[in-house]
Protein backbone atom coordinates (compact mmCIF):
# COMPACT_ATOMS: atom_id res chain seq x y z
CA MET A 1 -36.49 94.75 119.82
CA ALA A 2 -34.84 91.55 120.47
CA GLU A 3 -31.77 91.50 117.91
CA VAL A 4 -31.75 88.38 115.20
CA VAL A 5 -29.48 88.13 113.72
CA LYS A 6 -25.70 87.49 115.93
CA LEU A 7 -23.01 89.06 114.51
CA GLY A 8 -20.28 86.66 113.24
CA SER A 9 -22.55 84.27 112.45
CA GLU A 10 -23.26 83.25 108.47
CA VAL A 11 -26.71 84.29 107.17
CA LYS A 12 -27.86 84.28 103.85
CA ASP A 13 -31.21 87.15 102.29
CA LYS A 14 -34.15 85.59 101.66
CA PHE A 15 -34.59 87.80 98.77
CA THR A 16 -31.40 87.88 96.78
CA GLY A 17 -29.57 84.59 98.05
CA PHE A 18 -26.81 87.05 99.07
CA SER A 19 -25.21 84.88 101.93
CA GLY A 20 -21.52 86.09 103.86
CA ILE A 21 -20.44 86.62 107.40
CA ALA A 22 -23.08 89.55 109.40
CA MET A 23 -19.84 91.87 110.63
CA ALA A 24 -21.98 95.19 111.54
CA ARG A 25 -25.12 96.03 112.66
CA THR A 26 -26.34 99.42 113.01
CA HIS A 27 -29.61 100.95 114.90
CA TYR A 28 -31.30 103.71 113.13
CA LEU A 29 -33.60 106.31 115.35
CA PHE A 30 -37.21 105.45 113.40
CA GLY A 31 -35.97 103.16 111.10
CA CYS A 32 -35.09 99.24 110.99
CA ASP A 33 -32.07 97.40 111.97
CA ARG A 34 -29.54 96.57 109.65
CA ILE A 35 -26.92 94.19 109.14
CA GLY A 36 -23.73 94.61 107.30
CA VAL A 37 -22.52 91.10 105.60
CA LEU A 38 -19.31 90.57 104.47
CA SER A 39 -19.12 88.08 100.90
CA PRO A 40 -16.86 85.09 101.11
CA LYS A 41 -15.15 85.64 97.41
CA LEU A 42 -12.07 86.98 97.68
CA GLU A 43 -10.99 89.07 94.34
CA LYS A 44 -8.30 87.37 91.98
CA GLU A 45 -5.76 90.21 91.81
CA THR A 46 -5.88 91.58 95.30
CA GLY A 47 -7.36 89.09 97.85
CA GLU A 48 -9.81 91.69 99.21
CA PRO A 49 -13.20 90.20 99.99
CA LYS A 50 -15.90 91.06 97.00
CA GLU A 51 -19.00 92.30 98.05
CA TYR A 52 -19.61 94.40 101.31
CA ILE A 53 -23.87 95.02 101.59
CA TRP A 54 -26.13 96.47 104.29
CA PHE A 55 -29.42 94.41 104.68
CA ASP A 56 -32.66 94.53 106.88
CA GLU A 57 -32.39 92.39 110.06
CA GLN A 58 -35.78 91.27 109.85
CA GLN A 59 -34.65 89.89 105.97
CA LEU A 60 -31.54 87.81 107.46
CA THR A 61 -31.51 84.36 107.89
CA GLU A 62 -28.96 82.31 110.17
CA VAL A 63 -27.53 79.55 108.04
CA LYS A 64 -26.83 76.25 110.38
CA ILE A 65 -23.15 75.13 109.88
CA GLU A 66 -23.37 71.62 109.88
CA GLU A 67 -20.70 70.05 111.82
CA LYS A 68 -17.94 67.23 110.33
CA GLY A 69 -16.13 64.64 112.03
CA GLY A 70 -13.26 65.47 114.55
CA PRO A 71 -13.03 65.68 118.25
CA ARG A 72 -16.31 67.30 120.19
CA GLN A 73 -16.38 69.38 123.44
CA ASP A 74 -18.85 66.41 124.76
CA ALA A 75 -16.86 64.06 123.83
CA PRO A 76 -16.08 60.88 126.87
CA SER A 77 -12.60 61.60 127.97
CA ARG A 78 -10.85 58.46 128.32
């Protein structure tokens, strides 16, 4: 099966709305692949991530990050 989610990309769960960074993938012998998603929100006291949750890969979608202004790779040189 082709990989749907690229590790390191920002993803969002279709059902719960939870979003974060795809950190790990597990391949089960008789089950679906799962992706470990790390929350970008941090605990106030410790500065540690609040949550790390595993989701079925099929229920995650990659979040498109909008590019903002600034230098680009394809900018013409002068």
